[in-house]
């Protein structure tokens, strides 16, 4: 599941993690993003996350595409589009079924500015979402779009 910030992605993830047949991975590229992003100061606990989790995007991608070994039949990965910095080769995602959770950009910005008053466009995940969608479509990868029609900010 690909989402930008200020969507309902965490709620969806919680539903999936309640299934006995599903392994859930929450924001696996977060430590990499924090270690390489100019926006680290906007994330409380960044140093602890960087020290605890994998910061090499290649190793993260390898983990995400490895066969499941815990008996689960579904691997639900909640990704934040803004964690996909430009240097990441996105080829790893193409064999997977990708779902994109899309919220109307104006709603995203209205909600996000309550948390980060003057966000850079890259913090919204919108440019990265376009990059991910464009690659998926151009390579005829298997993907689905989920539109959030109305939500409060």
N, C-alpha and C. Protein backbone atom coordinates (compact mmCIF):
# COMPACT_ATOMS: atom_id res chain seq x y z
N UNK A 1 0.85 -1.18 0.00
CA UNK A 1 0.00 0.00 0.00
C UNK A 1 0.89 1.23 0.00
N UNK A 2 0.71 2.09 -0.98
CA UNK A 2 1.45 3.34 -1.08
C UNK A 2 0.54 4.47 -0.68
N UNK A 3 1.03 5.32 0.19
CA UNK A 3 0.24 6.44 0.68
C UNK A 3 1.15 7.62 0.95
N UNK A 4 0.57 8.79 0.90
CA UNK A 4 1.27 9.98 1.37
C UNK A 4 0.86 10.22 2.81
N UNK A 5 1.43 11.23 3.43
CA UNK A 5 1.05 11.55 4.81
C UNK A 5 -0.38 12.08 4.89
N UNK A 6 -0.98 11.93 6.04
CA UNK A 6 -2.31 12.48 6.34
C UNK A 6 -3.41 11.79 5.54
N UNK A 7 -3.28 10.48 5.38
CA UNK A 7 -4.31 9.64 4.77
C UNK A 7 -4.80 8.67 5.83
N UNK A 8 -5.55 7.68 5.41
CA UNK A 8 -6.05 6.69 6.36
C UNK A 8 -5.23 5.40 6.31
N UNK A 9 -3.99 5.52 5.88
CA UNK A 9 -3.16 4.34 5.67
C UNK A 9 -2.91 3.54 6.95
N UNK A 10 -2.77 4.21 8.07
CA UNK A 10 -2.54 3.49 9.32
C UNK A 10 -3.78 2.69 9.73
N UNK A 11 -4.95 3.26 9.55
CA UNK A 11 -6.19 2.54 9.86
C UNK A 11 -6.32 1.29 8.99
N UNK A 12 -6.01 1.41 7.71
CA UNK A 12 -6.05 0.24 6.83
C UNK A 12 -5.05 -0.81 7.27
N UNK A 13 -3.86 -0.37 7.62
CA UNK A 13 -2.83 -1.30 8.08
C UNK A 13 -3.29 -2.06 9.32
N UNK A 14 -3.91 -1.34 10.26
CA UNK A 14 -4.39 -1.98 11.50
C UNK A 14 -5.41 -3.08 11.19
N UNK A 15 -6.26 -2.84 10.22
CA UNK A 15 -7.23 -3.87 9.83
C UNK A 15 -6.52 -5.12 9.31
N UNK A 16 -5.51 -4.92 8.47
CA UNK A 16 -4.77 -6.05 7.92
C UNK A 16 -3.98 -6.79 8.99
N UNK A 17 -3.43 -6.09 9.96
CA UNK A 17 -2.62 -6.78 10.97
C UNK A 17 -3.47 -7.62 11.91
N UNK A 18 -4.76 -7.45 11.89
CA UNK A 18 -5.66 -8.29 12.69
C UNK A 18 -5.99 -9.61 12.03
N UNK A 19 -5.54 -9.80 10.83
CA UNK A 19 -5.76 -11.06 10.12
C UNK A 19 -4.63 -12.04 10.49
N UNK A 20 -4.98 -13.26 10.75
CA UNK A 20 -4.00 -14.27 11.12
C UNK A 20 -3.11 -14.72 9.97
N UNK A 21 -3.54 -14.48 8.74
CA UNK A 21 -2.79 -14.95 7.57
C UNK A 21 -1.91 -13.86 6.95
N UNK A 22 -1.75 -12.74 7.66
CA UNK A 22 -1.08 -11.58 7.07
C UNK A 22 0.09 -11.11 7.91
N UNK A 23 1.21 -10.90 7.25
CA UNK A 23 2.38 -10.27 7.86
C UNK A 23 2.33 -8.79 7.45
N UNK A 24 2.46 -7.89 8.42
CA UNK A 24 2.39 -6.46 8.16
C UNK A 24 3.74 -5.81 8.43
N UNK A 25 4.13 -4.93 7.53
CA UNK A 25 5.39 -4.18 7.67
C UNK A 25 5.03 -2.70 7.54
N UNK A 26 5.27 -1.93 8.58
CA UNK A 26 4.89 -0.52 8.64
C UNK A 26 6.07 0.38 8.29
N UNK A 27 5.96 1.10 7.18
CA UNK A 27 6.94 2.09 6.74
C UNK A 27 8.39 1.57 6.78
N UNK A 28 8.66 0.52 6.02
CA UNK A 28 9.99 -0.10 6.07
C UNK A 28 11.15 0.79 5.61
N UNK A 29 10.88 1.83 4.83
CA UNK A 29 11.94 2.72 4.35
C UNK A 29 12.10 3.96 5.23
N UNK A 30 11.43 4.00 6.36
CA UNK A 30 11.43 5.21 7.21
C UNK A 30 12.83 5.56 7.72
N UNK A 31 13.56 4.58 8.21
CA UNK A 31 14.91 4.86 8.73
C UNK A 31 15.83 5.34 7.60
N UNK A 32 15.73 4.71 6.45
CA UNK A 32 16.51 5.17 5.29
C UNK A 32 16.17 6.63 4.98
N UNK A 33 14.88 6.93 4.94
CA UNK A 33 14.43 8.29 4.63
C UNK A 33 14.99 9.28 5.64
N UNK A 34 14.87 8.97 6.92
CA UNK A 34 15.37 9.88 7.95
C UNK A 34 16.87 10.09 7.85
N UNK A 35 17.60 9.03 7.53
CA UNK A 35 19.06 9.13 7.43
C UNK A 35 19.51 9.95 6.22
N UNK A 36 18.64 10.11 5.23
CA UNK A 36 19.04 10.75 3.98
C UNK A 36 18.20 11.96 3.58
N UNK A 37 17.23 12.31 4.39
CA UNK A 37 16.32 13.39 4.06
C UNK A 37 16.74 14.71 4.69
N UNK A 38 16.52 15.81 3.98
CA UNK A 38 16.79 17.12 4.60
C UNK A 38 15.70 17.52 5.61
N UNK A 39 14.67 16.69 5.76
CA UNK A 39 13.55 17.03 6.64
C UNK A 39 13.57 16.24 7.95
N UNK A 40 14.71 15.70 8.30
CA UNK A 40 14.86 14.88 9.51
C UNK A 40 14.37 15.62 10.76
N UNK A 41 14.60 16.94 10.85
CA UNK A 41 14.24 17.70 12.05
C UNK A 41 12.74 17.73 12.30
N UNK A 42 11.92 17.42 11.30
CA UNK A 42 10.48 17.39 11.47
C UNK A 42 9.97 16.08 12.07
N UNK A 43 10.88 15.16 12.40
CA UNK A 43 10.49 13.84 12.87
C UNK A 43 11.06 13.55 14.26
N UNK A 44 10.23 13.65 15.28
CA UNK A 44 10.70 13.34 16.64
C UNK A 44 11.20 11.89 16.72
N UNK A 45 12.27 11.69 17.43
CA UNK A 45 12.81 10.34 17.60
C UNK A 45 13.59 9.84 16.39
N UNK A 46 13.95 10.71 15.49
CA UNK A 46 14.64 10.30 14.26
C UNK A 46 15.93 9.55 14.55
N UNK A 47 16.73 10.04 15.46
CA UNK A 47 18.02 9.39 15.74
C UNK A 47 17.83 7.97 16.27
N UNK A 48 16.84 7.76 17.10
CA UNK A 48 16.57 6.42 17.63
C UNK A 48 16.10 5.48 16.51
N UNK A 49 15.25 5.97 15.62
CA UNK A 49 14.77 5.15 14.50
C UNK A 49 15.93 4.78 13.59
N UNK A 50 16.79 5.74 13.29
CA UNK A 50 17.95 5.48 12.43
C UNK A 50 18.88 4.45 13.08
N UNK A 51 19.05 4.53 14.38
CA UNK A 51 19.93 3.59 15.09
C UNK A 51 19.33 2.19 15.19
N UNK A 52 18.02 2.08 15.14
CA UNK A 52 17.34 0.81 15.36
C UNK A 52 17.03 0.03 14.09
N UNK A 53 16.69 0.73 13.01
CA UNK A 53 16.20 0.07 11.80
C UNK A 53 17.18 0.21 10.64
N UNK A 54 16.98 -0.59 9.63
CA UNK A 54 17.86 -0.62 8.46
C UNK A 54 17.79 0.70 7.69
N UNK A 55 18.97 1.23 7.36
CA UNK A 55 19.03 2.49 6.62
C UNK A 55 19.53 2.32 5.18
N UNK A 56 19.85 1.10 4.78
CA UNK A 56 20.27 0.82 3.40
C UNK A 56 19.03 0.41 2.62
N UNK A 57 18.60 1.24 1.66
CA UNK A 57 17.36 0.96 0.94
C UNK A 57 17.43 -0.37 0.18
N UNK A 58 18.62 -0.76 -0.27
CA UNK A 58 18.76 -2.02 -1.01
C UNK A 58 18.44 -3.23 -0.12
N UNK A 59 18.93 -3.18 1.11
CA UNK A 59 18.63 -4.28 2.05
C UNK A 59 17.15 -4.31 2.40
N UNK A 60 16.54 -3.14 2.55
CA UNK A 60 15.11 -3.08 2.83
C UNK A 60 14.34 -3.69 1.66
N UNK A 61 14.67 -3.29 0.45
CA UNK A 61 13.99 -3.82 -0.74
C UNK A 61 14.15 -5.34 -0.83
N UNK A 62 15.34 -5.85 -0.51
CA UNK A 62 15.55 -7.30 -0.53
C UNK A 62 14.65 -8.00 0.50
N UNK A 63 14.52 -7.41 1.68
CA UNK A 63 13.64 -7.99 2.71
C UNK A 63 12.19 -8.02 2.23
N UNK A 64 11.78 -6.97 1.56
CA UNK A 64 10.39 -6.84 1.14
C UNK A 64 10.01 -7.76 -0.02
N UNK A 65 10.99 -8.22 -0.75
CA UNK A 65 10.72 -9.09 -1.90
C UNK A 65 11.12 -10.53 -1.65
N UNK A 66 11.62 -10.83 -0.47
CA UNK A 66 12.00 -12.20 -0.12
C UNK A 66 10.74 -13.04 0.13
N UNK A 67 10.83 -14.34 -0.07
CA UNK A 67 9.67 -15.20 0.22
C UNK A 67 9.30 -15.12 1.70
N UNK A 68 8.00 -15.23 1.97
CA UNK A 68 7.53 -15.24 3.36
C UNK A 68 7.95 -16.55 4.02
N UNK A 69 8.42 -16.46 5.24
CA UNK A 69 8.87 -17.66 5.95
C UNK A 69 8.10 -17.88 7.25
N UNK A 70 7.14 -17.04 7.57
CA UNK A 70 6.45 -17.16 8.85
C UNK A 70 5.09 -17.85 8.73
N UNK A 71 4.76 -18.41 7.57
CA UNK A 71 3.49 -19.09 7.39
C UNK A 71 2.36 -18.19 6.90
N UNK A 72 2.61 -16.90 6.80
CA UNK A 72 1.59 -15.99 6.28
C UNK A 72 1.45 -16.16 4.77
N UNK A 73 0.23 -15.93 4.28
CA UNK A 73 0.01 -16.00 2.84
C UNK A 73 -0.09 -14.61 2.20
N UNK A 74 -0.21 -13.57 3.05
CA UNK A 74 -0.31 -12.19 2.56
C UNK A 74 0.76 -11.36 3.25
N UNK A 75 1.42 -10.53 2.46
CA UNK A 75 2.44 -9.61 3.00
C UNK A 75 1.95 -8.20 2.72
N UNK A 76 1.44 -7.54 3.75
CA UNK A 76 0.92 -6.17 3.62
C UNK A 76 2.03 -5.22 4.03
N UNK A 77 2.46 -4.41 3.08
CA UNK A 77 3.52 -3.44 3.32
C UNK A 77 2.92 -2.04 3.21
N UNK A 78 3.00 -1.27 4.28
CA UNK A 78 2.52 0.12 4.25
C UNK A 78 3.70 1.03 3.98
N UNK A 79 3.69 1.63 2.79
CA UNK A 79 4.77 2.50 2.37
C UNK A 79 4.30 3.95 2.31
N UNK A 80 5.19 4.86 2.64
CA UNK A 80 4.93 6.28 2.47
C UNK A 80 5.67 6.73 1.22
N UNK A 81 4.95 7.34 0.30
CA UNK A 81 5.56 7.70 -0.97
C UNK A 81 6.73 8.66 -0.80
N UNK A 82 6.65 9.55 0.16
CA UNK A 82 7.74 10.53 0.33
C UNK A 82 9.03 9.89 0.85
N UNK A 83 8.98 8.65 1.30
CA UNK A 83 10.19 7.95 1.71
C UNK A 83 11.01 7.47 0.51
N UNK A 84 10.43 7.50 -0.67
CA UNK A 84 11.12 7.04 -1.88
C UNK A 84 11.94 8.19 -2.48
N UNK A 85 13.11 8.41 -1.92
CA UNK A 85 13.99 9.45 -2.42
C UNK A 85 14.47 9.09 -3.82
N UNK A 86 14.90 10.09 -4.55
CA UNK A 86 15.23 9.90 -5.97
C UNK A 86 16.28 8.83 -6.24
N UNK A 87 17.20 8.61 -5.31
CA UNK A 87 18.27 7.63 -5.59
C UNK A 87 17.81 6.18 -5.47
N UNK A 88 16.60 5.94 -5.00
CA UNK A 88 16.11 4.56 -4.90
C UNK A 88 15.71 4.05 -6.27
N UNK A 89 16.26 2.90 -6.64
CA UNK A 89 15.86 2.21 -7.86
C UNK A 89 14.55 1.49 -7.55
N UNK A 90 13.49 1.85 -8.23
CA UNK A 90 12.16 1.31 -7.92
C UNK A 90 11.86 -0.03 -8.59
N UNK A 91 12.82 -0.60 -9.27
CA UNK A 91 12.60 -1.89 -9.93
C UNK A 91 12.11 -2.97 -8.95
N UNK A 92 12.53 -2.89 -7.71
CA UNK A 92 12.18 -3.90 -6.71
C UNK A 92 10.67 -4.04 -6.55
N UNK A 93 9.91 -2.95 -6.77
CA UNK A 93 8.48 -2.96 -6.51
C UNK A 93 7.65 -3.54 -7.65
N UNK A 94 8.21 -3.63 -8.84
CA UNK A 94 7.43 -4.00 -10.01
C UNK A 94 6.83 -5.40 -9.98
N UNK A 95 7.50 -6.41 -9.43
CA UNK A 95 6.88 -7.74 -9.39
C UNK A 95 5.73 -7.86 -8.37
N UNK A 96 5.61 -6.88 -7.48
CA UNK A 96 4.59 -6.94 -6.43
C UNK A 96 3.28 -6.34 -6.92
N UNK A 97 2.18 -6.66 -6.23
CA UNK A 97 0.92 -5.97 -6.48
C UNK A 97 0.92 -4.72 -5.62
N UNK A 98 0.85 -3.56 -6.25
CA UNK A 98 0.92 -2.29 -5.56
C UNK A 98 -0.45 -1.62 -5.56
N UNK A 99 -0.84 -1.10 -4.41
CA UNK A 99 -2.07 -0.32 -4.28
C UNK A 99 -1.68 1.09 -3.88
N UNK A 100 -2.34 2.05 -4.48
CA UNK A 100 -2.06 3.46 -4.20
C UNK A 100 -3.28 4.09 -3.55
N UNK A 101 -3.10 4.55 -2.34
CA UNK A 101 -4.15 5.24 -1.61
C UNK A 101 -4.05 6.73 -1.94
N UNK A 102 -5.03 7.24 -2.62
CA UNK A 102 -4.95 8.61 -3.13
C UNK A 102 -6.04 9.47 -2.50
N UNK A 103 -5.60 10.55 -1.94
CA UNK A 103 -6.49 11.55 -1.34
C UNK A 103 -6.37 12.84 -2.15
N UNK A 104 -7.44 13.55 -2.27
CA UNK A 104 -7.44 14.81 -3.03
C UNK A 104 -6.33 15.70 -2.50
N UNK A 105 -5.42 16.17 -3.37
CA UNK A 105 -4.24 16.92 -2.91
C UNK A 105 -4.55 18.13 -2.03
N UNK A 106 -5.61 18.82 -2.30
CA UNK A 106 -5.95 19.98 -1.47
C UNK A 106 -6.22 19.55 -0.03
N UNK A 107 -6.91 18.43 0.14
CA UNK A 107 -7.18 17.92 1.49
C UNK A 107 -5.88 17.50 2.18
N UNK A 108 -4.99 16.89 1.42
CA UNK A 108 -3.68 16.50 1.97
C UNK A 108 -2.96 17.74 2.50
N UNK A 109 -2.90 18.77 1.67
CA UNK A 109 -2.17 19.98 2.06
C UNK A 109 -2.82 20.70 3.24
N UNK A 110 -4.13 20.78 3.25
CA UNK A 110 -4.82 21.42 4.37
C UNK A 110 -4.56 20.68 5.69
N UNK A 111 -4.55 19.38 5.62
CA UNK A 111 -4.31 18.58 6.81
C UNK A 111 -2.84 18.62 7.22
N UNK A 112 -1.95 18.51 6.24
CA UNK A 112 -0.51 18.45 6.54
C UNK A 112 0.02 19.75 7.12
N UNK A 113 -0.51 20.88 6.67
CA UNK A 113 -0.02 22.15 7.18
C UNK A 113 -0.40 22.38 8.64
N UNK A 114 -1.27 21.56 9.18
CA UNK A 114 -1.57 21.62 10.62
C UNK A 114 -0.43 21.01 11.43
N UNK A 115 0.34 20.14 10.79
CA UNK A 115 1.46 19.46 11.45
C UNK A 115 2.79 20.12 11.09
N UNK A 116 2.96 20.44 9.83
CA UNK A 116 4.16 21.11 9.32
C UNK A 116 3.67 22.38 8.63
N UNK A 117 3.82 23.53 9.26
CA UNK A 117 3.21 24.77 8.75
C UNK A 117 3.59 25.18 7.33
N UNK A 118 4.82 24.99 6.92
CA UNK A 118 5.26 25.37 5.58
C UNK A 118 5.98 24.20 4.90
N UNK A 119 5.24 23.17 4.53
CA UNK A 119 5.90 21.98 3.99
C UNK A 119 6.49 22.21 2.60
N UNK A 120 7.57 21.50 2.33
CA UNK A 120 8.13 21.43 0.98
C UNK A 120 7.29 20.40 0.22
N UNK A 121 7.13 20.58 -1.08
CA UNK A 121 6.30 19.68 -1.87
C UNK A 121 6.75 18.22 -1.72
N UNK A 122 8.05 17.98 -1.53
CA UNK A 122 8.52 16.60 -1.38
C UNK A 122 8.04 15.95 -0.08
N UNK A 123 7.69 16.74 0.92
CA UNK A 123 7.17 16.19 2.17
C UNK A 123 5.74 15.69 2.02
N UNK A 124 5.03 16.13 1.01
CA UNK A 124 3.64 15.72 0.80
C UNK A 124 3.54 14.34 0.17
N UNK A 125 4.60 13.89 -0.46
CA UNK A 125 4.57 12.61 -1.15
C UNK A 125 3.94 12.67 -2.54
N UNK A 126 3.43 13.82 -2.94
CA UNK A 126 2.74 13.91 -4.23
C UNK A 126 3.68 13.71 -5.42
N UNK A 127 4.86 14.34 -5.46
CA UNK A 127 5.75 14.07 -6.61
C UNK A 127 6.20 12.60 -6.67
N UNK A 128 6.45 12.03 -5.51
CA UNK A 128 6.90 10.63 -5.47
C UNK A 128 5.75 9.69 -5.89
N UNK A 129 4.53 10.04 -5.50
CA UNK A 129 3.38 9.22 -5.90
C UNK A 129 3.25 9.21 -7.42
N UNK A 130 3.44 10.36 -8.05
CA UNK A 130 3.39 10.43 -9.51
C UNK A 130 4.49 9.57 -10.12
N UNK A 131 5.69 9.62 -9.55
CA UNK A 131 6.81 8.81 -10.04
C UNK A 131 6.49 7.31 -9.94
N UNK A 132 5.95 6.90 -8.81
CA UNK A 132 5.61 5.49 -8.59
C UNK A 132 4.49 5.02 -9.53
N UNK A 133 3.46 5.83 -9.65
CA UNK A 133 2.35 5.50 -10.53
C UNK A 133 2.77 5.46 -11.99
N UNK A 134 3.57 6.44 -12.40
CA UNK A 134 4.04 6.49 -13.78
C UNK A 134 4.87 5.26 -14.12
N UNK A 135 5.75 4.88 -13.22
CA UNK A 135 6.57 3.69 -13.46
C UNK A 135 5.68 2.45 -13.54
N UNK A 136 4.76 2.30 -12.62
CA UNK A 136 3.87 1.13 -12.62
C UNK A 136 3.08 1.04 -13.92
N UNK A 137 2.54 2.16 -14.35
CA UNK A 137 1.74 2.16 -15.58
C UNK A 137 2.60 1.90 -16.81
N UNK A 138 3.76 2.55 -16.89
CA UNK A 138 4.61 2.40 -18.08
C UNK A 138 5.18 1.00 -18.21
N UNK A 139 5.37 0.34 -17.08
CA UNK A 139 5.93 -1.02 -17.10
C UNK A 139 4.85 -2.10 -17.01
N UNK A 140 3.60 -1.67 -17.04
CA UNK A 140 2.44 -2.57 -16.98
C UNK A 140 2.49 -3.47 -15.75
N UNK A 141 2.93 -2.90 -14.65
CA UNK A 141 2.96 -3.63 -13.38
C UNK A 141 1.54 -3.74 -12.84
N UNK A 142 1.33 -4.70 -11.98
CA UNK A 142 0.02 -4.91 -11.39
C UNK A 142 -0.18 -3.89 -10.26
N UNK A 143 -1.20 -3.02 -10.43
CA UNK A 143 -1.48 -2.03 -9.38
C UNK A 143 -2.96 -1.68 -9.35
N UNK A 144 -3.38 -1.14 -8.22
CA UNK A 144 -4.76 -0.69 -8.01
C UNK A 144 -4.73 0.70 -7.39
N UNK A 145 -5.75 1.48 -7.69
CA UNK A 145 -5.90 2.81 -7.10
C UNK A 145 -7.07 2.78 -6.12
N UNK A 146 -6.87 3.34 -4.95
CA UNK A 146 -7.93 3.50 -3.96
C UNK A 146 -8.08 4.99 -3.71
N UNK A 147 -9.23 5.54 -4.03
CA UNK A 147 -9.47 6.97 -3.89
C UNK A 147 -10.19 7.25 -2.59
N UNK A 148 -9.69 8.20 -1.84
CA UNK A 148 -10.40 8.68 -0.66
C UNK A 148 -11.24 9.86 -1.14
N UNK A 149 -12.54 9.67 -1.14
CA UNK A 149 -13.41 10.68 -1.72
C UNK A 149 -13.67 11.83 -0.76
N UNK A 150 -14.02 11.54 0.48
CA UNK A 150 -14.27 12.60 1.45
C UNK A 150 -13.72 12.18 2.80
N UNK A 151 -12.92 13.03 3.35
CA UNK A 151 -12.46 12.84 4.72
C UNK A 151 -12.34 14.20 5.35
N UNK A 152 -12.34 14.23 6.66
CA UNK A 152 -12.07 15.51 7.33
C UNK A 152 -10.56 15.70 7.38
N UNK A 153 -10.13 16.95 7.57
CA UNK A 153 -8.69 17.22 7.57
C UNK A 153 -8.06 16.88 8.88
